[in-house]
Amino acid sequence: MDHKKIIFKKKGKENLNKKTFDVSPNYVKLFVIPDECLINLIDKFINNLFNEENYIHTTKKMKTNKKCIITNLLEAQKKFFECKMIENPLFHYNINDDELNIIYNKCNRNKIHFNLFYEARRILEIVKVNYKTYDNYENIIFNNKNKNIHKNKTFLTRYQIKNYIMKYLQNSGIKHNVQIEFKENLISAIQIFKKKNNSYYIQLQYHDMTRQKIRALCNHEIGTHLLRMINHHYNELQKFGINNICNITEEGLAVINSMYSLKKKKNHLYLISPALKYLAVCLGNFYSFSKLYRFLNTFVIDKNKCFKIPPRVKRGLTDTSFPGGYTRSIIFL
């Protein structure tokens, strides 16, 4: 795309409300958001074509064996809402300051590539035009219904979720020791990791979960990440120094794998979640935590769901009023 030749044409309000509205990055000024001048400034950095070699080289530099985990996430969330989303949270971590600085230097703002910024904005604009908000899109895709009226019929219990995961493991031919834990202080909906005793752990949040959503999460974490982890274990790739070399490709495949189970004839699927994470990283390079949250909250209306995104970006910072942060989420798009 020749970004120097991009023409922005204003559309009437009546056209914006039509679901048949054709969104094209060549003719529409995408996703009007706060500080549009700043966004246009970012756009000017995206004049070069996407360079995959540089992108892979950059993300390889971000590899680290230490995990940067926020230990006071729920407490920080409560205080953030009590102050009406104005004061920036102060995060505590599971590692000391020296280790934190090492991770931050590997994954900080200097590692951001803005090559997909236009595409991320285009995805958000398409979903906004057709569904208005992320919440509406998710409700349709995951078959969420009115919580008060249909809760017992629609959402799964902890037992049902755990039982579904166990059956998924069995159907996948996984006979390893896999522990399932429910935790509320997670940034992501679900995560999987391996301990030194060769036991695998699946940790997930318990919230309104439909069968469609847990299937998508299992396809992402178990059908992609866990199977790869087990395969690497048996092939002893670490002996040859080639362990965990495919993080970029693997995350992309995991995203696609999770979407296959959501395919419907009447609804289009969009990479909206990866686009949100990518855009949050780009804007987090300039925004404080509270400003990034307020921007996202215009599209992700559920405040608890919206709060999960900025901490992914601001990990590594104790004082989140500063710009920059943890940039790993760019690999999902």
C-alpha atoms as a PDB file:
ATOM      1  CA  MET A   1       0.000   0.000   0.000  1.00  0.00           C
ATOM      2  CA  ASP A   2       1.341   3.436  -0.927  1.00  0.00           C
ATOM      3  CA  HIS A   3       0.434   5.393   2.204  1.00  0.00           C
ATOM      4  CA  LYS A   4       1.425   8.684   0.553  1.00  0.00           C
ATOM      5  CA  LYS A   5      -1.528   8.345  -1.805  1.00  0.00           C
ATOM      6  CA  ILE A   6      -4.144   7.609   0.841  1.00  0.00           C
ATOM      7  CA  ILE A   7      -7.223   9.784   0.458  1.00  0.00           C
ATOM      8  CA  PHE A   8      -9.642  10.284   3.323  1.00  0.00           C
ATOM      9  CA  LYS A   9     -13.226  10.889   2.269  1.00  0.00           C
ATOM     10  CA  LYS A  10     -15.934  11.936   4.693  1.00  0.00           C
ATOM     11  CA  LYS A  11     -19.045   9.776   4.861  1.00  0.00           C
ATOM     12  CA  GLY A  12     -22.524  10.860   5.823  1.00  0.00           C
ATOM     13  CA  LYS A  13     -24.022   9.657   9.087  1.00  0.00           C
ATOM     14  CA  GLU A  14     -26.680   7.754   7.214  1.00  0.00           C
ATOM     15  CA  ASN A  15     -24.047   5.624   5.487  1.00  0.00           C
ATOM     16  CA  LEU A  16     -22.187   4.869   8.684  1.00  0.00           C
ATOM     17  CA  ASN A  17     -25.260   3.280  10.216  1.00  0.00           C
ATOM     18  CA  LYS A  18     -25.735   0.788   7.381  1.00  0.00           C
ATOM     19  CA  LYS A  19     -24.362  -2.702   7.934  1.00  0.00           C
ATOM     20  CA  THR A  20     -23.438  -2.930   4.257  1.00  0.00           C
ATOM     21  CA  PHE A  21     -20.976  -0.039   4.641  1.00  0.00           C
ATOM     22  CA  ASP A  22     -17.770  -0.893   2.765  1.00  0.00           C
ATOM     23  CA  VAL A  23     -14.757  -0.175   4.944  1.00  0.00           C
ATOM     24  CA  SER A  24     -11.550   0.339   3.012  1.00  0.00           C
ATOM     25  CA  PRO A  25      -8.266   1.675   4.400  1.00  0.00           C
ATOM     26  CA  ASN A  26      -7.723   3.605   1.154  1.00  0.00           C
ATOM     27  CA  TYR A  27     -10.787   5.814   1.475  1.00  0.00           C
ATOM     28  CA  VAL A  28     -11.887   5.931   5.102  1.00  0.00           C
ATOM     29  CA  LYS A  29     -10.176   7.620   7.996  1.00  0.00           C
ATOM     30  CA  LEU A  30     -10.235   4.654  10.310  1.00  0.00           C
ATOM     31  CA  PHE A  31     -11.469   4.492  13.872  1.00  0.00           C
ATOM     32  CA  VAL A  32     -11.795   8.050  15.135  1.00  0.00           C
ATOM     33  CA  ILE A  33     -10.255   7.986  18.607  1.00  0.00           C
ATOM     34  CA  PRO A  34      -8.864  10.476  21.147  1.00  0.00           C
ATOM     35  CA  ASP A  35      -5.810  12.448  20.022  1.00  0.00           C
ATOM     36  CA  GLU A  36      -6.303  11.815  16.322  1.00  0.00           C
ATOM     37  CA  CYS A  37      -3.312  14.057  15.617  1.00  0.00           C
ATOM     38  CA  LEU A  38      -1.150  11.662  17.593  1.00  0.00           C
ATOM     39  CA  ILE A  39      -2.531   8.702  15.671  1.00  0.00           C
ATOM     40  CA  ASN A  40      -1.804  10.439  12.372  1.00  0.00           C
ATOM     41  CA  LEU A  41       1.718  11.067  13.603  1.00  0.00           C
ATOM     42  CA  ILE A  42       2.096   7.339  14.220  1.00  0.00           C
ATOM     43  CA  ASP A  43       0.762   6.646  10.730  1.00  0.00           C
ATOM     44  CA  LYS A  44       3.660   8.555   9.218  1.00  0.00           C
ATOM     45  CA  PHE A  45       6.057   5.976  10.625  1.00  0.00           C
ATOM     46  CA  ILE A  46       4.395   3.263   8.539  1.00  0.00           C
ATOM     47  CA  ASN A  47       5.728   4.158   5.108  1.00  0.00           C
ATOM     48  CA  ASN A  48       7.825   1.043   4.622  1.00  0.00           C
ATOM     49  CA  LEU A  49       6.438  -2.311   3.587  1.00  0.00           C
ATOM     50  CA  PHE A  50       6.241  -5.008   6.235  1.00  0.00           C
ATOM     51  CA  ASN A  51       9.693  -6.559   6.726  1.00  0.00           C
ATOM     52  CA  GLU A  52       9.181 -10.063   8.110  1.00  0.00           C
ATOM     53  CA  GLU A  53      12.896 -10.662   8.716  1.00  0.00           C
ATOM     54  CA  ASN A  54      13.221  -7.572  10.905  1.00  0.00           C
ATOM     55  CA  TYR A  55       9.977  -8.440  12.713  1.00  0.00           C
ATOM     56  CA  ILE A  56      11.181 -11.964  13.564  1.00  0.00           C
ATOM     57  CA  HIS A  57      14.583 -10.630  14.631  1.00  0.00           C
ATOM     58  CA  THR A  58      12.907  -8.125  16.940  1.00  0.00           C
ATOM     59  CA  THR A  59      10.573 -10.639  18.587  1.00  0.00           C
ATOM     60  CA  LYS A  60      13.436 -13.086  19.138  1.00  0.00           C
ATOM     61  CA  LYS A  61      15.182 -10.384  21.175  1.00  0.00           C
ATOM     62  CA  MET A  62      12.113 -10.269  23.409  1.00  0.00           C
ATOM     63  CA  LYS A  63      12.530 -13.889  24.552  1.00  0.00           C
ATOM     64  CA  THR A  64      12.995 -14.284  28.276  1.00  0.00           C
ATOM     65  CA  ASN A  65      12.822 -17.233  30.657  1.00  0.00           C
ATOM     66  CA  LYS A  66      11.428 -15.110  33.483  1.00  0.00           C
ATOM     67  CA  LYS A  67       7.735 -14.335  33.744  1.00  0.00           C
ATOM     68  CA  CYS A  68       6.687 -10.843  34.717  1.00  0.00           C
ATOM     69  CA  ILE A  69       3.578 -11.415  36.855  1.00  0.00           C
ATOM     70  CA  ILE A  70       1.597  -8.634  38.525  1.00  0.00           C
ATOM     71  CA  THR A  71       0.899  -9.769  42.088  1.00  0.00           C
ATOM     72  CA  ASN A  72      -1.556  -7.034  43.102  1.00  0.00           C
ATOM     73  CA  LEU A  73      -3.734  -7.035  39.984  1.00  0.00           C
ATOM     74  CA  LEU A  74      -7.124  -7.370  41.715  1.00  0.00           C
ATOM     75  CA  GLU A  75      -6.228  -4.774  44.343  1.00  0.00           C
ATOM     76  CA  ALA A  76      -5.012  -2.362  41.656  1.00  0.00           C
ATOM     77  CA  GLN A  77      -8.186  -2.927  39.646  1.00  0.00           C
ATOM     78  CA  LYS A  78     -10.392  -2.137  42.635  1.00  0.00           C
ATOM     79  CA  LYS A  79      -8.514   1.095  43.403  1.00  0.00           C
ATOM     80  CA  PHE A  80      -8.580   2.091  39.737  1.00  0.00           C
ATOM     81  CA  PHE A  81     -12.372   1.848  39.573  1.00  0.00           C
ATOM     82  CA  GLU A  82     -12.778   3.605  42.925  1.00  0.00           C
ATOM     83  CA  CYS A  83     -10.898   6.647  41.609  1.00  0.00           C
ATOM     84  CA  LYS A  84     -13.134   6.744  38.506  1.00  0.00           C
ATOM     85  CA  MET A  85     -10.333   5.506  36.220  1.00  0.00           C
ATOM     86  CA  ILE A  86      -8.280   8.680  36.693  1.00  0.00           C
ATOM     87  CA  GLU A  87      -5.290   7.617  38.805  1.00  0.00           C
ATOM     88  CA  ASN A  88      -2.780   5.251  37.224  1.00  0.00           C
ATOM     89  CA  PRO A  89      -2.244   1.938  39.067  1.00  0.00           C
ATOM     90  CA  LEU A  90       0.980   1.062  40.869  1.00  0.00           C
ATOM     91  CA  PHE A  91       1.922  -2.555  40.151  1.00  0.00           C
ATOM     92  CA  HIS A  92       3.899  -5.018  42.271  1.00  0.00           C
ATOM     93  CA  TYR A  93       5.664  -7.991  40.699  1.00  0.00           C
ATOM     94  CA  ASN A  94       6.814 -11.516  41.478  1.00  0.00           C
ATOM     95  CA  ILE A  95      10.456 -10.688  40.723  1.00  0.00           C
ATOM     96  CA  ASN A  96      12.965  -8.178  42.070  1.00  0.00           C
ATOM     97  CA  ASP A  97      13.767  -4.849  40.448  1.00  0.00           C
ATOM     98  CA  ASP A  98      16.941  -6.080  38.732  1.00  0.00           C
ATOM     99  CA  GLU A  99      15.140  -8.983  37.046  1.00  0.00           C
ATOM    100  CA  LEU A 100      12.270  -6.665  36.184  1.00  0.00           C
ATOM    101  CA  ASN A 101      14.639  -4.253  34.451  1.00  0.00           C
ATOM    102  CA  ILE A 102      16.155  -7.075  32.393  1.00  0.00           C
ATOM    103  CA  ILE A 103      12.726  -8.125  31.122  1.00  0.00           C
ATOM    104  CA  TYR A 104      11.664  -4.545  30.514  1.00  0.00           C
ATOM    105  CA  ASN A 105      14.810  -3.792  28.503  1.00  0.00           C
ATOM    106  CA  LYS A 106      14.110  -6.821  26.307  1.00  0.00           C
ATOM    107  CA  CYS A 107      10.441  -6.050  25.798  1.00  0.00           C
ATOM    108  CA  ASN A 108      10.160  -2.276  26.073  1.00  0.00           C
ATOM    109  CA  ARG A 109       8.813   0.377  23.749  1.00  0.00           C
ATOM    110  CA  ASN A 110      11.864   0.338  21.452  1.00  0.00           C
ATOM    111  CA  LYS A 111      10.821  -3.115  20.198  1.00  0.00           C
ATOM    112  CA  ILE A 112       7.513  -2.023  18.662  1.00  0.00           C
ATOM    113  CA  HIS A 113       6.920  -2.412  14.941  1.00  0.00           C
ATOM    114  CA  PHE A 114       4.051  -0.284  13.642  1.00  0.00           C
ATOM    115  CA  ASN A 115       3.776  -2.113  10.313  1.00  0.00           C
ATOM    116  CA  LEU A 116       0.336  -3.576  11.079  1.00  0.00           C
ATOM    117  CA  PHE A 117      -1.079  -0.439  12.666  1.00  0.00           C
ATOM    118  CA  TYR A 118      -3.309   0.373   9.688  1.00  0.00           C
ATOM    119  CA  GLU A 119      -4.605  -3.199   9.553  1.00  0.00           C
ATOM    120  CA  ALA A 120      -5.392  -3.238  13.281  1.00  0.00           C
ATOM    121  CA  ARG A 121      -7.361   0.006  12.977  1.00  0.00           C
ATOM    122  CA  ARG A 122      -9.197  -1.343   9.927  1.00  0.00           C
ATOM    123  CA  ILE A 123     -10.300  -4.483  11.799  1.00  0.00           C
ATOM    124  CA  LEU A 124     -11.596  -2.414  14.719  1.00  0.00           C
ATOM    125  CA  GLU A 125     -13.474  -0.072  12.415  1.00  0.00           C
ATOM    126  CA  ILE A 126     -15.175  -2.934  10.563  1.00  0.00           C
ATOM    127  CA  VAL A 127     -16.342  -4.500  13.831  1.00  0.00           C
ATOM    128  CA  LYS A 128     -17.428  -1.112  15.153  1.00  0.00           C
ATOM    129  CA  VAL A 129     -19.510  -0.410  12.045  1.00  0.00           C
ATOM    130  CA  ASN A 130     -21.189  -3.828  12.083  1.00  0.00           C
ATOM    131  CA  TYR A 131     -21.478  -4.516  15.826  1.00  0.00           C
ATOM    132  CA  LYS A 132     -20.983  -1.078  17.491  1.00  0.00           C
ATOM    133  CA  THR A 133     -18.949  -2.547  20.385  1.00  0.00           C
ATOM    134  CA  TYR A 134     -16.658  -5.468  21.129  1.00  0.00           C
ATOM    135  CA  ASP A 135     -19.183  -6.673  23.698  1.00  0.00           C
ATOM    136  CA  ASN A 136     -21.916  -7.015  21.058  1.00  0.00           C
ATOM    137  CA  TYR A 137     -19.562  -8.903  18.755  1.00  0.00           C
ATOM    138  CA  GLU A 138     -18.506 -11.312  21.500  1.00  0.00           C
ATOM    139  CA  ASN A 139     -22.100 -11.912  22.611  1.00  0.00           C
ATOM    140  CA  ILE A 140     -23.062 -12.958  19.091  1.00  0.00           C
ATOM    141  CA  ILE A 141     -19.990 -15.086  18.397  1.00  0.00           C
ATOM    142  CA  PHE A 142     -20.037 -16.893  21.750  1.00  0.00           C
ATOM    143  CA  ASN A 143     -23.849 -17.130  22.006  1.00  0.00           C
ATOM    144  CA  ASN A 144     -23.957 -15.096  25.204  1.00  0.00           C
ATOM    145  CA  LYS A 145     -27.479 -14.265  26.365  1.00  0.00           C
ATOM    146  CA  ASN A 146     -29.068 -12.103  29.014  1.00  0.00           C
ATOM    147  CA  LYS A 147     -27.255 -12.982  32.220  1.00  0.00           C
ATOM    148  CA  ASN A 148     -30.240 -12.627  34.527  1.00  0.00           C
ATOM    149  CA  ILE A 149     -32.790 -14.549  32.488  1.00  0.00           C
ATOM    150  CA  HIS A 150     -30.777 -17.343  30.900  1.00  0.00           C
ATOM    151  CA  LYS A 151     -27.780 -17.714  33.161  1.00  0.00           C
ATOM    152  CA  ASN A 152     -28.460 -21.292  34.255  1.00  0.00           C
ATOM    153  CA  LYS A 153     -29.179 -22.369  30.686  1.00  0.00           C
ATOM    154  CA  THR A 154     -26.303 -20.583  28.957  1.00  0.00           C
ATOM    155  CA  PHE A 155     -23.207 -20.329  31.137  1.00  0.00           C
ATOM    156  CA  LEU A 156     -21.156 -23.264  32.358  1.00  0.00           C
ATOM    157  CA  THR A 157     -20.392 -24.060  35.993  1.00  0.00           C
ATOM    158  CA  ARG A 158     -16.866 -24.719  37.254  1.00  0.00           C
ATOM    159  CA  TYR A 159     -17.567 -28.439  37.199  1.00  0.00           C
ATOM    160  CA  GLN A 160     -18.794 -28.289  33.596  1.00  0.00           C
ATOM    161  CA  ILE A 161     -15.769 -26.262  32.506  1.00  0.00           C
ATOM    162  CA  LYS A 162     -13.334 -28.651  34.183  1.00  0.00           C
ATOM    163  CA  ASN A 163     -15.170 -31.659  32.783  1.00  0.00           C
ATOM    164  CA  TYR A 164     -15.075 -30.184  29.279  1.00  0.00           C
ATOM    165  CA  ILE A 165     -11.308 -29.599  29.519  1.00  0.00           C
ATOM    166  CA  MET A 166     -10.710 -33.152  30.758  1.00  0.00           C
ATOM    167  CA  LYS A 167     -12.683 -34.572  27.831  1.00  0.00           C
ATOM    168  CA  TYR A 168     -10.774 -32.317  25.434  1.00  0.00           C
ATOM    169  CA  LEU A 169      -7.478 -33.639  26.818  1.00  0.00           C
ATOM    170  CA  GLN A 170      -8.713 -37.206  26.481  1.00  0.00           C
ATOM    171  CA  ASN A 171      -9.915 -36.706  22.907  1.00  0.00           C
ATOM    172  CA  SER A 172      -6.563 -35.125  22.034  1.00  0.00           C
ATOM    173  CA  GLY A 173      -4.742 -38.233  23.237  1.00  0.00           C
ATOM    174  CA  ILE A 174      -2.997 -36.386  26.060  1.00  0.00           C
ATOM    175  CA  LYS A 175      -2.290 -38.783  28.924  1.00  0.00           C
ATOM    176  CA  HIS A 176       0.090 -36.532  30.835  1.00  0.00           C
ATOM    177  CA  ASN A 177      -0.588 -35.176  34.291  1.00  0.00           C
ATOM    178  CA  VAL A 178      -2.483 -31.933  33.705  1.00  0.00           C
ATOM    179  CA  GLN A 179      -3.734 -29.920  36.678  1.00  0.00           C
ATOM    180  CA  ILE A 180      -6.654 -27.524  36.199  1.00  0.00           C
ATOM    181  CA  GLU A 181      -6.869 -24.489  38.477  1.00  0.00           C
ATOM    182  CA  PHE A 182      -9.266 -21.546  38.652  1.00  0.00           C
ATOM    183  CA  LYS A 183      -7.588 -18.202  39.389  1.00  0.00           C
ATOM    184  CA  GLU A 184      -9.049 -14.717  39.297  1.00  0.00           C
ATOM    185  CA  ASN A 185      -5.831 -12.674  39.233  1.00  0.00           C
ATOM    186  CA  LEU A 186      -4.902 -13.567  35.649  1.00  0.00           C
ATOM    187  CA  ILE A 187      -4.431 -11.075  32.841  1.00  0.00           C
ATOM    188  CA  SER A 188      -5.448 -13.620  30.212  1.00  0.00           C
ATOM    189  CA  ALA A 189      -8.566 -15.788  30.267  1.00  0.00           C
ATOM    190  CA  ILE A 190      -6.482 -18.970  30.324  1.00  0.00           C
ATOM    191  CA  GLN A 191      -2.811 -19.923  30.457  1.00  0.00           C
ATOM    192  CA  ILE A 192      -0.778 -23.116  30.455  1.00  0.00           C
ATOM    193  CA  PHE A 193       2.719 -23.856  31.734  1.00  0.00           C
ATOM    194  CA  LYS A 194       4.975 -26.720  32.731  1.00  0.00           C
ATOM    195  CA  LYS A 195       6.687 -27.208  36.080  1.00  0.00           C
ATOM    196  CA  LYS A 196      10.014 -28.913  36.742  1.00  0.00           C
ATOM    197  CA  ASN A 197       8.269 -32.121  37.811  1.00  0.00           C
ATOM    198  CA  ASN A 198       6.959 -32.455  34.215  1.00  0.00           C
ATOM    199  CA  SER A 199       3.423 -31.657  35.335  1.00  0.00           C
ATOM    200  CA  TYR A 200       1.386 -29.307  33.182  1.00  0.00           C
ATOM    201  CA  TYR A 201      -0.919 -26.691  34.673  1.00  0.00           C
ATOM    202  CA  ILE A 202      -3.921 -25.043  33.080  1.00  0.00           C
ATOM    203  CA  GLN A 203      -5.041 -21.910  34.909  1.00  0.00           C
ATOM    204  CA  LEU A 204      -8.169 -20.044  33.908  1.00  0.00           C
ATOM    205  CA  GLN A 205     -10.578 -17.449  35.188  1.00  0.00           C
ATOM    206  CA  TYR A 206     -14.084 -18.452  36.150  1.00  0.00           C
ATOM    207  CA  HIS A 207     -16.482 -16.024  34.587  1.00  0.00           C
ATOM    208  CA  ASP A 208     -19.471 -16.227  32.250  1.00  0.00           C
ATOM    209  CA  MET A 209     -18.249 -19.026  29.999  1.00  0.00           C
ATOM    210  CA  THR A 210     -20.242 -20.594  27.179  1.00  0.00           C
ATOM    211  CA  ARG A 211     -19.468 -23.887  25.461  1.00  0.00           C
ATOM    212  CA  GLN A 212     -18.424 -21.988  22.344  1.00  0.00           C
ATOM    213  CA  LYS A 213     -15.926 -19.905  24.305  1.00  0.00           C
ATOM    214  CA  ILE A 214     -14.336 -22.752  26.258  1.00  0.00           C
ATOM    215  CA  ARG A 215     -13.986 -24.709  23.014  1.00  0.00           C
ATOM    216  CA  ALA A 216     -12.148 -21.787  21.419  1.00  0.00           C
ATOM    217  CA  LEU A 217      -9.889 -21.407  24.472  1.00  0.00           C
ATOM    218  CA  CYS A 218      -9.088 -25.132  24.472  1.00  0.00           C
ATOM    219  CA  ASN A 219      -8.247 -25.029  20.773  1.00  0.00           C
ATOM    220  CA  HIS A 220      -5.869 -22.154  21.491  1.00  0.00           C
ATOM    221  CA  GLU A 221      -4.138 -23.390  24.642  1.00  0.00           C
ATOM    222  CA  ILE A 222      -4.404 -27.188  24.483  1.00  0.00           C
ATOM    223  CA  GLY A 223      -4.828 -27.864  20.767  1.00  0.00           C
ATOM    224  CA  THR A 224      -1.864 -25.623  19.947  1.00  0.00           C
ATOM    225  CA  HIS A 225       0.377 -24.700  22.894  1.00  0.00           C
ATOM    226  CA  LEU A 226       0.137 -27.846  25.049  1.00  0.00           C
ATOM    227  CA  LEU A 227       0.541 -30.247  22.119  1.00  0.00           C
ATOM    228  CA  ARG A 228       3.620 -28.308  20.999  1.00  0.00           C
ATOM    229  CA  MET A 229       5.050 -28.362  24.532  1.00  0.00           C
ATOM    230  CA  ILE A 230       4.619 -32.134  24.775  1.00  0.00           C
ATOM    231  CA  ASN A 231       6.110 -32.615  21.319  1.00  0.00           C
ATOM    232  CA  HIS A 232       9.145 -30.519  22.276  1.00  0.00           C
ATOM    233  CA  HIS A 233       9.553 -32.553  25.461  1.00  0.00           C
ATOM    234  CA  TYR A 234       9.729 -35.846  23.563  1.00  0.00           C
ATOM    235  CA  ASN A 235      12.047 -34.476  20.876  1.00  0.00           C
ATOM    236  CA  GLU A 236      14.433 -33.018  23.474  1.00  0.00           C
ATOM    237  CA  LEU A 237      14.936 -29.903  21.381  1.00  0.00           C
ATOM    238  CA  GLN A 238      16.504 -28.077  24.305  1.00  0.00           C
ATOM    239  CA  LYS A 239      19.624 -30.232  23.878  1.00  0.00           C
ATOM    240  CA  PHE A 240      20.240 -28.570  20.542  1.00  0.00           C
ATOM    241  CA  GLY A 241      19.466 -25.058  21.733  1.00  0.00           C
ATOM    242  CA  ILE A 242      16.350 -24.753  19.587  1.00  0.00           C
ATOM    243  CA  ASN A 243      13.685 -24.827  22.275  1.00  0.00           C
ATOM    244  CA  ASN A 244      10.846 -22.284  22.007  1.00  0.00           C
ATOM    245  CA  ILE A 245      11.987 -20.866  18.663  1.00  0.00           C
ATOM    246  CA  CYS A 246       8.555 -20.688  17.081  1.00  0.00           C
ATOM    247  CA  ASN A 247       6.687 -18.365  19.459  1.00  0.00           C
ATOM    248  CA  ILE A 248       5.693 -15.941  16.711  1.00  0.00           C
ATOM    249  CA  THR A 249       4.299 -18.579  14.356  1.00  0.00           C
ATOM    250  CA  GLU A 250       2.781 -20.570  17.210  1.00  0.00           C
ATOM    251  CA  GLU A 251       0.726 -17.675  18.567  1.00  0.00           C
ATOM    252  CA  GLY A 252      -0.606 -16.924  15.100  1.00  0.00           C
ATOM    253  CA  LEU A 253      -1.585 -20.565  14.591  1.00  0.00           C
ATOM    254  CA  ALA A 254      -3.206 -20.635  18.041  1.00  0.00           C
ATOM    255  CA  VAL A 255      -5.349 -17.618  17.151  1.00  0.00           C
ATOM    256  CA  ILE A 256      -6.463 -19.230  13.876  1.00  0.00           C
ATOM    257  CA  ASN A 257      -7.071 -22.560  15.606  1.00  0.00           C
ATOM    258  CA  SER A 258      -9.332 -20.921  18.187  1.00  0.00           C
ATOM    259  CA  MET A 259     -11.399 -19.283  15.440  1.00  0.00           C
ATOM    260  CA  TYR A 260     -12.148 -22.493  13.545  1.00  0.00           C
ATOM    261  CA  SER A 261     -14.592 -23.640  16.206  1.00  0.00           C
ATOM    262  CA  LEU A 262     -16.450 -20.313  15.957  1.00  0.00           C
ATOM    263  CA  LYS A 263     -17.052 -20.435  12.216  1.00  0.00           C
ATOM    264  CA  LYS A 264     -20.675 -19.653  11.376  1.00  0.00           C
ATOM    265  CA  LYS A 265     -22.488 -19.153   8.114  1.00  0.00           C
ATOM    266  CA  LYS A 266     -24.287 -15.955   9.088  1.00  0.00           C
ATOM    267  CA  ASN A 267     -21.508 -14.194  10.988  1.00  0.00           C
ATOM    268  CA  HIS A 268     -18.086 -13.051   9.890  1.00  0.00           C
ATOM    269  CA  LEU A 269     -15.112 -13.689  12.144  1.00  0.00           C
ATOM    270  CA  TYR A 270     -12.536 -10.976  12.678  1.00  0.00           C
ATOM    271  CA  LEU A 271      -9.142 -10.924  14.372  1.00  0.00           C
ATOM    272  CA  ILE A 272     -10.532  -8.329  16.730  1.00  0.00           C
ATOM    273  CA  SER A 273      -8.891  -9.577  19.938  1.00  0.00           C
ATOM    274  CA  PRO A 274      -5.364  -9.693  18.431  1.00  0.00           C
ATOM    275  CA  ALA A 275      -6.006  -6.316  16.791  1.00  0.00           C
ATOM    276  CA  LEU A 276      -6.990  -4.803  20.152  1.00  0.00           C
ATOM    277  CA  LYS A 277      -3.852  -6.163  21.816  1.00  0.00           C
ATOM    278  CA  TYR A 278      -1.642  -4.937  19.003  1.00  0.00           C
ATOM    279  CA  LEU A 279      -3.195  -1.476  18.959  1.00  0.00           C
ATOM    280  CA  ALA A 280      -2.963  -1.279  22.760  1.00  0.00           C
ATOM    281  CA  VAL A 281       0.785  -1.931  22.556  1.00  0.00           C
ATOM    282  CA  CYS A 282       1.230   0.769  19.907  1.00  0.00           C
ATOM    283  CA  LEU A 283      -0.779   3.362  21.837  1.00  0.00           C
ATOM    284  CA  GLY A 284       0.767   2.308  25.149  1.00  0.00           C
ATOM    285  CA  ASN A 285       4.015   3.591  23.706  1.00  0.00           C
ATOM    286  CA  PHE A 286       2.545   7.098  24.093  1.00  0.00           C
ATOM    287  CA  TYR A 287      -0.331   6.743  26.589  1.00  0.00           C
ATOM    288  CA  SER A 288      -0.463   6.297  30.334  1.00  0.00           C
ATOM    289  CA  PHE A 289      -2.468   3.387  31.764  1.00  0.00           C
ATOM    290  CA  SER A 290      -5.585   5.458  32.477  1.00  0.00           C
ATOM    291  CA  LYS A 291      -5.558   7.129  29.072  1.00  0.00           C
ATOM    292  CA  LEU A 292      -5.136   3.771  27.328  1.00  0.00           C
ATOM    293  CA  TYR A 293      -8.004   2.329  29.365  1.00  0.00           C
ATOM    294  CA  ARG A 294     -10.327   5.234  28.532  1.00  0.00           C
ATOM    295  CA  PHE A 295      -9.598   4.799  24.842  1.00  0.00           C
ATOM    296  CA  LEU A 296     -10.284   1.052  24.929  1.00  0.00           C
ATOM    297  CA  ASN A 297     -13.406   1.523  27.061  1.00  0.00           C
ATOM    298  CA  THR A 298     -15.135   3.360  24.207  1.00  0.00           C
ATOM    299  CA  PHE A 299     -15.150   0.040  22.347  1.00  0.00           C
ATOM    300  CA  VAL A 300     -14.833  -2.623  25.079  1.00  0.00           C
ATOM    301  CA  ILE A 301     -17.705  -1.454  27.270  1.00  0.00           C
ATOM    302  CA  ASP A 302     -17.506  -4.076  30.038  1.00  0.00           C
ATOM    303  CA  LYS A 303     -15.105  -2.410  32.485  1.00  0.00           C
ATOM    304  CA  ASN A 304     -13.751  -5.656  33.943  1.00  0.00           C
ATOM    305  CA  LYS A 305     -13.076  -7.076  30.501  1.00  0.00           C
ATOM    306  CA  CYS A 306     -11.542  -3.810  29.354  1.00  0.00           C
ATOM    307  CA  PHE A 307      -9.248  -3.656  32.380  1.00  0.00           C
ATOM    308  CA  LYS A 308      -7.554  -6.912  31.337  1.00  0.00           C
ATOM    309  CA  ILE A 309      -5.938  -5.291  28.287  1.00  0.00           C
ATOM    310  CA  PRO A 310      -3.838  -2.363  29.646  1.00  0.00           C
ATOM    311  CA  PRO A 311      -1.952  -4.490  32.241  1.00  0.00           C
ATOM    312  CA  ARG A 312      -0.697  -6.718  29.406  1.00  0.00           C
ATOM    313  CA  VAL A 313       0.920  -3.611  27.954  1.00  0.00           C
ATOM    314  CA  LYS A 314       2.037  -1.907  31.168  1.00  0.00           C
ATOM    315  CA  ARG A 315       3.746  -4.929  32.711  1.00  0.00           C
ATOM    316  CA  GLY A 316       7.300  -4.056  33.651  1.00  0.00           C
ATOM    317  CA  LEU A 317       6.359  -0.582  34.854  1.00  0.00           C
ATOM    318  CA  THR A 318       5.854   0.049  38.547  1.00  0.00           C
ATOM    319  CA  ASP A 319       4.356   3.474  37.880  1.00  0.00           C
ATOM    320  CA  THR A 320       1.973   3.072  34.944  1.00  0.00           C
ATOM    321  CA  SER A 321       1.613   6.811  34.403  1.00  0.00           C
ATOM    322  CA  PHE A 322       4.699   6.581  32.194  1.00  0.00           C
ATOM    323  CA  PRO A 323       4.441   5.664  28.512  1.00  0.00           C
ATOM    324  CA  GLY A 324       5.861   2.396  27.218  1.00  0.00           C
ATOM    325  CA  GLY A 325       5.667  -1.079  28.684  1.00  0.00           C
ATOM    326  CA  TYR A 326       5.674  -4.763  27.782  1.00  0.00           C
ATOM    327  CA  THR A 327       5.287  -5.280  24.037  1.00  0.00           C
ATOM    328  CA  ARG A 328       4.914  -9.053  23.644  1.00  0.00           C
ATOM    329  CA  SER A 329       1.228  -8.804  22.649  1.00  0.00           C
ATOM    330  CA  ILE A 330       2.211  -7.634  19.161  1.00  0.00           C
ATOM    331  CA  ILE A 331       2.892 -11.256  18.153  1.00  0.00           C
ATOM    332  CA  PHE A 332      -0.807 -12.209  18.289  1.00  0.00           C
ATOM    333  CA  LEU A 333      -1.680 -10.269  15.107  1.00  0.00           C
END
